[in-house]
PDB file of all heavy atoms in Angstrom:
ATOM      1  N   ARG A   1      29.901  -6.535   3.022  1.00  0.00           N
ATOM      2  CA  ARG A   1      28.607  -6.254   2.484  1.00  0.00           C
ATOM      3  C   ARG A   1      28.164  -4.850   2.893  1.00  0.00           C
ATOM      4  O   ARG A   1      28.429  -4.391   3.995  1.00  0.00           O
ATOM      5  CB  ARG A   1      27.580  -7.269   3.044  1.00  0.00           C
ATOM      6  CG  ARG A   1      26.137  -7.098   2.554  1.00  0.00           C
ATOM      7  CD  ARG A   1      25.258  -8.224   3.014  1.00  0.00           C
ATOM      8  NE  ARG A   1      25.623  -9.472   2.355  1.00  0.00           N
ATOM      9  CZ  ARG A   1      25.170  -9.829   1.156  1.00  0.00           C
ATOM     10  NH1 ARG A   1      24.342  -9.027   0.483  1.00  0.00           N
ATOM     11  NH2 ARG A   1      25.541 -10.977   0.602  1.00  0.00           N
ATOM     12  N   VAL A   2      27.535  -4.151   1.945  1.00  0.00           N
ATOM     13  CA  VAL A   2      27.031  -2.817   2.200  1.00  0.00           C
ATOM     14  C   VAL A   2      25.501  -2.861   2.293  1.00  0.00           C
ATOM     15  O   VAL A   2      24.866  -3.712   1.699  1.00  0.00           O
ATOM     16  CB  VAL A   2      27.456  -1.806   1.083  1.00  0.00           C
ATOM     17  CG1 VAL A   2      28.954  -1.671   1.061  1.00  0.00           C
ATOM     18  CG2 VAL A   2      26.949  -2.290  -0.283  1.00  0.00           C
ATOM     19  N   ASN A   3      24.951  -1.945   3.042  1.00  0.00           N
ATOM     20  CA  ASN A   3      23.510  -1.913   3.255  1.00  0.00           C
ATOM     21  C   ASN A   3      22.780  -1.396   1.988  1.00  0.00           C
ATOM     22  O   ASN A   3      23.267  -0.490   1.325  1.00  0.00           O
ATOM     23  CB  ASN A   3      23.149  -1.055   4.472  1.00  0.00           C
ATOM     24  CG  ASN A   3      23.661  -1.653   5.760  1.00  0.00           C
ATOM     25  OD1 ASN A   3      23.705  -2.857   5.920  1.00  0.00           O
ATOM     26  ND2 ASN A   3      24.049  -0.759   6.685  1.00  0.00           N
ATOM     27  N   GLU A   4      21.664  -2.029   1.727  1.00  0.00           N
ATOM     28  CA  GLU A   4      20.832  -1.585   0.583  1.00  0.00           C
ATOM     29  C   GLU A   4      20.091  -0.298   0.966  1.00  0.00           C
ATOM     30  O   GLU A   4      19.552  -0.182   2.034  1.00  0.00           O
ATOM     31  CB  GLU A   4      19.845  -2.692   0.194  1.00  0.00           C
ATOM     32  CG  GLU A   4      19.029  -2.389  -1.035  1.00  0.00           C
ATOM     33  CD  GLU A   4      18.153  -3.545  -1.418  1.00  0.00           C
ATOM     34  OE1 GLU A   4      18.558  -4.699  -1.211  1.00  0.00           O
ATOM     35  OE2 GLU A   4      17.038  -3.313  -1.909  1.00  0.00           O
ATOM     36  N   THR A   5      20.066   0.689   0.034  1.00  0.00           N
ATOM     37  CA  THR A   5      19.380   1.951   0.276  1.00  0.00           C
ATOM     38  C   THR A   5      18.374   2.193  -0.827  1.00  0.00           C
ATOM     39  O   THR A   5      18.275   1.422  -1.791  1.00  0.00           O
ATOM     40  CB  THR A   5      20.400   3.089   0.335  1.00  0.00           C
ATOM     41  OG1 THR A   5      21.000   3.271  -0.968  1.00  0.00           O
ATOM     42  CG2 THR A   5      21.454   2.847   1.366  1.00  0.00           C
ATOM     43  N   VAL A   6      17.692   3.330  -0.725  1.00  0.00           N
ATOM     44  CA  VAL A   6      16.732   3.741  -1.773  1.00  0.00           C
ATOM     45  C   VAL A   6      17.445   3.890  -3.146  1.00  0.00           C
ATOM     46  O   VAL A   6      16.879   3.633  -4.196  1.00  0.00           O
ATOM     47  CB  VAL A   6      16.009   5.017  -1.347  1.00  0.00           C
ATOM     48  CG1 VAL A   6      15.054   5.465  -2.485  1.00  0.00           C
ATOM     49  CG2 VAL A   6      15.238   4.792  -0.057  1.00  0.00           C
ATOM     50  N   GLY A   7      18.678   4.349  -3.110  1.00  0.00           N
ATOM     51  CA  GLY A   7      19.412   4.595  -4.349  1.00  0.00           C
ATOM     52  C   GLY A   7      20.091   3.393  -4.942  1.00  0.00           C
ATOM     53  O   GLY A   7      20.692   3.486  -6.025  1.00  0.00           O
ATOM     54  N   THR A   8      20.017   2.240  -4.275  1.00  0.00           N
ATOM     55  CA  THR A   8      20.665   1.050  -4.783  1.00  0.00           C
ATOM     56  C   THR A   8      19.933   0.558  -6.064  1.00  0.00           C
ATOM     57  O   THR A   8      18.693   0.428  -6.053  1.00  0.00           O
ATOM     58  CB  THR A   8      20.654  -0.064  -3.727  1.00  0.00           C
ATOM     59  OG1 THR A   8      21.353   0.386  -2.580  1.00  0.00           O
ATOM     60  CG2 THR A   8      21.328  -1.346  -4.258  1.00  0.00           C
ATOM     61  N   LEU A   9      20.719   0.238  -7.078  1.00  0.00           N
ATOM     62  CA  LEU A   9      20.122  -0.262  -8.302  1.00  0.00           C
ATOM     63  C   LEU A   9      19.637  -1.699  -8.124  1.00  0.00           C
ATOM     64  O   LEU A   9      20.395  -2.556  -7.713  1.00  0.00           O
ATOM     65  CB  LEU A   9      21.196  -0.262  -9.451  1.00  0.00           C
ATOM     66  CG  LEU A   9      20.776  -0.887 -10.775  1.00  0.00           C
ATOM     67  CD1 LEU A   9      19.673  -0.031 -11.451  1.00  0.00           C
ATOM     68  CD2 LEU A   9      21.970  -1.064 -11.703  1.00  0.00           C
ATOM     69  N   ARG A  10      18.380  -1.919  -8.412  1.00  0.00           N
ATOM     70  CA  ARG A  10      17.827  -3.277  -8.261  1.00  0.00           C
ATOM     71  C   ARG A  10      18.220  -4.121  -9.482  1.00  0.00           C
ATOM     72  O   ARG A  10      18.084  -3.674 -10.630  1.00  0.00           O
ATOM     73  CB  ARG A  10      16.305  -3.245  -8.125  1.00  0.00           C
ATOM     74  CG  ARG A  10      15.798  -2.668  -6.818  1.00  0.00           C
ATOM     75  CD  ARG A  10      14.309  -2.861  -6.650  1.00  0.00           C
ATOM     76  NE  ARG A  10      14.020  -4.304  -6.695  1.00  0.00           N
ATOM     77  CZ  ARG A  10      12.751  -4.770  -6.655  1.00  0.00           C
ATOM     78  NH1 ARG A  10      11.748  -3.907  -6.568  1.00  0.00           N
ATOM     79  NH2 ARG A  10      12.536  -6.065  -6.652  1.00  0.00           N
ATOM     80  N   THR A  11      18.713  -5.317  -9.207  1.00  0.00           N
ATOM     81  CA  THR A  11      19.146  -6.203 -10.317  1.00  0.00           C
ATOM     82  C   THR A  11      18.237  -7.443 -10.380  1.00  0.00           C
ATOM     83  O   THR A  11      18.701  -8.469 -10.921  1.00  0.00           O
ATOM     84  CB  THR A  11      20.600  -6.607 -10.130  1.00  0.00           C
ATOM     85  OG1 THR A  11      20.762  -7.216  -8.856  1.00  0.00           O
ATOM     86  CG2 THR A  11      21.522  -5.363 -10.217  1.00  0.00           C
ATOM     87  N   ASP A  12      17.052  -7.343  -9.865  1.00  0.00           N
ATOM     88  CA  ASP A  12      16.219  -8.532  -9.799  1.00  0.00           C
ATOM     89  C   ASP A  12      14.803  -8.240 -10.361  1.00  0.00           C
ATOM     90  O   ASP A  12      13.849  -8.908  -9.977  1.00  0.00           O
ATOM     91  CB  ASP A  12      16.077  -9.053  -8.352  1.00  0.00           C
ATOM     92  CG  ASP A  12      15.525  -8.020  -7.390  1.00  0.00           C
ATOM     93  OD1 ASP A  12      15.297  -6.838  -7.851  1.00  0.00           O
ATOM     94  OD2 ASP A  12      15.340  -8.342  -6.220  1.00  0.00           O
ATOM     95  N   ASN A  13      14.668  -7.256 -11.235  1.00  0.00           N
ATOM     96  CA  ASN A  13      13.395  -6.911 -11.767  1.00  0.00           C
ATOM     97  C   ASN A  13      13.386  -6.903 -13.299  1.00  0.00           C
ATOM     98  O   ASN A  13      14.428  -7.135 -13.957  1.00  0.00           O
ATOM     99  CB  ASN A  13      12.894  -5.532 -11.261  1.00  0.00           C
ATOM    100  CG  ASN A  13      13.928  -4.414 -11.518  1.00  0.00           C
ATOM    101  OD1 ASN A  13      14.804  -4.549 -12.369  1.00  0.00           O
ATOM    102  ND2 ASN A  13      13.796  -3.340 -10.780  1.00  0.00           N
ATOM    103  N   VAL A  14      12.255  -6.612 -13.925  1.00  0.00           N
ATOM    104  CA  VAL A  14      12.092  -6.668 -15.371  1.00  0.00           C
ATOM    105  C   VAL A  14      12.937  -5.630 -16.033  1.00  0.00           C
ATOM    106  O   VAL A  14      13.521  -5.836 -17.104  1.00  0.00           O
ATOM    107  CB  VAL A  14      10.584  -6.483 -15.731  1.00  0.00           C
ATOM    108  CG1 VAL A  14      10.434  -6.421 -17.255  1.00  0.00           C
ATOM    109  CG2 VAL A  14       9.758  -7.614 -15.163  1.00  0.00           C
ATOM    110  N   VAL A  15      13.022  -4.435 -15.437  1.00  0.00           N
ATOM    111  CA  VAL A  15      13.813  -3.344 -16.014  1.00  0.00           C
ATOM    112  C   VAL A  15      15.244  -3.735 -16.192  1.00  0.00           C
ATOM    113  O   VAL A  15      15.850  -3.545 -17.299  1.00  0.00           O
ATOM    114  CB  VAL A  15      13.696  -2.054 -15.165  1.00  0.00           C
ATOM    115  CG1 VAL A  15      14.614  -0.963 -15.729  1.00  0.00           C
ATOM    116  CG2 VAL A  15      12.242  -1.563 -15.163  1.00  0.00           C
ATOM    117  N   PHE A  16      15.831  -4.333 -15.138  1.00  0.00           N
ATOM    118  CA  PHE A  16      17.258  -4.687 -15.283  1.00  0.00           C
ATOM    119  C   PHE A  16      17.421  -5.868 -16.245  1.00  0.00           C
ATOM    120  O   PHE A  16      18.442  -5.949 -16.950  1.00  0.00           O
ATOM    121  CB  PHE A  16      17.799  -5.117 -13.918  1.00  0.00           C
ATOM    122  CG  PHE A  16      19.277  -5.330 -13.957  1.00  0.00           C
ATOM    123  CD1 PHE A  16      20.170  -4.300 -13.967  1.00  0.00           C
ATOM    124  CD2 PHE A  16      19.795  -6.632 -14.011  1.00  0.00           C
ATOM    125  CE1 PHE A  16      21.567  -4.511 -14.008  1.00  0.00           C
ATOM    126  CE2 PHE A  16      21.162  -6.878 -14.060  1.00  0.00           C
ATOM    127  CZ  PHE A  16      22.048  -5.803 -14.076  1.00  0.00           C
ATOM    128  N   THR A  17      16.433  -6.754 -16.325  1.00  0.00           N
ATOM    129  CA  THR A  17      16.488  -7.836 -17.336  1.00  0.00           C
ATOM    130  C   THR A  17      16.617  -7.246 -18.749  1.00  0.00           C
ATOM    131  O   THR A  17      17.449  -7.674 -19.551  1.00  0.00           O
ATOM    132  CB  THR A  17      15.260  -8.721 -17.259  1.00  0.00           C
ATOM    133  OG1 THR A  17      15.181  -9.320 -15.962  1.00  0.00           O
ATOM    134  CG2 THR A  17      15.281  -9.821 -18.314  1.00  0.00           C
ATOM    135  N   LEU A  18      15.817  -6.260 -19.072  1.00  0.00           N
ATOM    136  CA  LEU A  18      15.874  -5.612 -20.400  1.00  0.00           C
ATOM    137  C   LEU A  18      17.184  -4.858 -20.586  1.00  0.00           C
ATOM    138  O   LEU A  18      17.766  -4.872 -21.689  1.00  0.00           O
ATOM    139  CB  LEU A  18      14.669  -4.677 -20.555  1.00  0.00           C
ATOM    140  CG  LEU A  18      13.278  -5.342 -20.539  1.00  0.00           C
ATOM    141  CD1 LEU A  18      12.175  -4.308 -20.651  1.00  0.00           C
ATOM    142  CD2 LEU A  18      13.159  -6.355 -21.647  1.00  0.00           C
ATOM    143  N   ILE A  19      17.660  -4.211 -19.521  1.00  0.00           N
ATOM    144  CA  ILE A  19      18.937  -3.512 -19.611  1.00  0.00           C
ATOM    145  C   ILE A  19      20.043  -4.534 -19.966  1.00  0.00           C
ATOM    146  O   ILE A  19      20.904  -4.259 -20.807  1.00  0.00           O
ATOM    147  CB  ILE A  19      19.249  -2.774 -18.313  1.00  0.00           C
ATOM    148  CG1 ILE A  19      18.367  -1.578 -18.105  1.00  0.00           C
ATOM    149  CG2 ILE A  19      20.734  -2.337 -18.277  1.00  0.00           C
ATOM    150  CD1 ILE A  19      18.460  -0.933 -16.749  1.00  0.00           C
ATOM    151  N   LEU A  20      20.005  -5.673 -19.285  1.00  0.00           N
ATOM    152  CA  LEU A  20      21.027  -6.704 -19.497  1.00  0.00           C
ATOM    153  C   LEU A  20      20.985  -7.225 -20.948  1.00  0.00           C
ATOM    154  O   LEU A  20      22.046  -7.366 -21.581  1.00  0.00           O
ATOM    155  CB  LEU A  20      20.815  -7.842 -18.524  1.00  0.00           C
ATOM    156  CG  LEU A  20      21.795  -9.005 -18.571  1.00  0.00           C
ATOM    157  CD1 LEU A  20      23.213  -8.561 -18.387  1.00  0.00           C
ATOM    158  CD2 LEU A  20      21.419 -10.053 -17.501  1.00  0.00           C
ATOM    159  N   VAL A  21      19.789  -7.445 -21.482  1.00  0.00           N
ATOM    160  CA  VAL A  21      19.671  -7.919 -22.862  1.00  0.00           C
ATOM    161  C   VAL A  21      20.287  -6.886 -23.820  1.00  0.00           C
ATOM    162  O   VAL A  21      21.031  -7.229 -24.745  1.00  0.00           O
ATOM    163  CB  VAL A  21      18.219  -8.175 -23.215  1.00  0.00           C
ATOM    164  CG1 VAL A  21      18.051  -8.463 -24.704  1.00  0.00           C
ATOM    165  CG2 VAL A  21      17.704  -9.393 -22.404  1.00  0.00           C
ATOM    166  N   PHE A  22      19.933  -5.603 -23.618  1.00  0.00           N
ATOM    167  CA  PHE A  22      20.468  -4.549 -24.461  1.00  0.00           C
ATOM    168  C   PHE A  22      21.985  -4.419 -24.357  1.00  0.00           C
ATOM    169  O   PHE A  22      22.685  -4.191 -25.376  1.00  0.00           O
ATOM    170  CB  PHE A  22      19.796  -3.206 -24.163  1.00  0.00           C
ATOM    171  CG  PHE A  22      18.452  -3.038 -24.797  1.00  0.00           C
ATOM    172  CD1 PHE A  22      17.276  -3.055 -24.037  1.00  0.00           C
ATOM    173  CD2 PHE A  22      18.302  -2.929 -26.173  1.00  0.00           C
ATOM    174  CE1 PHE A  22      16.024  -2.941 -24.602  1.00  0.00           C
ATOM    175  CE2 PHE A  22      17.087  -2.797 -26.786  1.00  0.00           C
ATOM    176  CZ  PHE A  22      15.923  -2.798 -25.997  1.00  0.00           C
ATOM    177  N   VAL A  23      22.528  -4.544 -23.164  1.00  0.00           N
ATOM    178  CA  VAL A  23      24.006  -4.452 -23.007  1.00  0.00           C
ATOM    179  C   VAL A  23      24.677  -5.584 -23.768  1.00  0.00           C
ATOM    180  O   VAL A  23      25.680  -5.351 -24.463  1.00  0.00           O
ATOM    181  CB  VAL A  23      24.358  -4.499 -21.512  1.00  0.00           C
ATOM    182  CG1 VAL A  23      25.824  -4.770 -21.319  1.00  0.00           C
ATOM    183  CG2 VAL A  23      23.967  -3.224 -20.832  1.00  0.00           C
ATOM    184  N   VAL A  24      24.111  -6.800 -23.703  1.00  0.00           N
ATOM    185  CA  VAL A  24      24.750  -7.892 -24.434  1.00  0.00           C
ATOM    186  C   VAL A  24      24.706  -7.655 -25.946  1.00  0.00           C
ATOM    187  O   VAL A  24      25.711  -7.833 -26.616  1.00  0.00           O
ATOM    188  CB  VAL A  24      23.995  -9.236 -24.119  1.00  0.00           C
ATOM    189  CG1 VAL A  24      24.465 -10.357 -24.996  1.00  0.00           C
ATOM    190  CG2 VAL A  24      24.214  -9.595 -22.661  1.00  0.00           C
ATOM    191  N   TYR A  25      23.569  -7.244 -26.475  1.00  0.00           N
ATOM    192  CA  TYR A  25      23.433  -6.986 -27.908  1.00  0.00           C
ATOM    193  C   TYR A  25      24.297  -5.815 -28.366  1.00  0.00           C
ATOM    194  O   TYR A  25      24.900  -5.861 -29.416  1.00  0.00           O
ATOM    195  CB  TYR A  25      21.979  -6.732 -28.268  1.00  0.00           C
ATOM    196  CG  TYR A  25      21.177  -7.998 -28.511  1.00  0.00           C
ATOM    197  CD1 TYR A  25      19.913  -8.152 -27.940  1.00  0.00           C
ATOM    198  CD2 TYR A  25      21.643  -9.010 -29.323  1.00  0.00           C
ATOM    199  CE1 TYR A  25      19.199  -9.314 -28.152  1.00  0.00           C
ATOM    200  CE2 TYR A  25      20.942 -10.181 -29.546  1.00  0.00           C
ATOM    201  CZ  TYR A  25      19.694 -10.313 -28.953  1.00  0.00           C
ATOM    202  OH  TYR A  25      18.951 -11.457 -29.178  1.00  0.00           O
TER     203      TYR A  25
END
């Protein structure tokens, strides 16, 4: 496991949800 930093991409918010939908489509 690596430590989470300020530059770590969050995968638990609305922005990533929309990114995921667009990637699938």
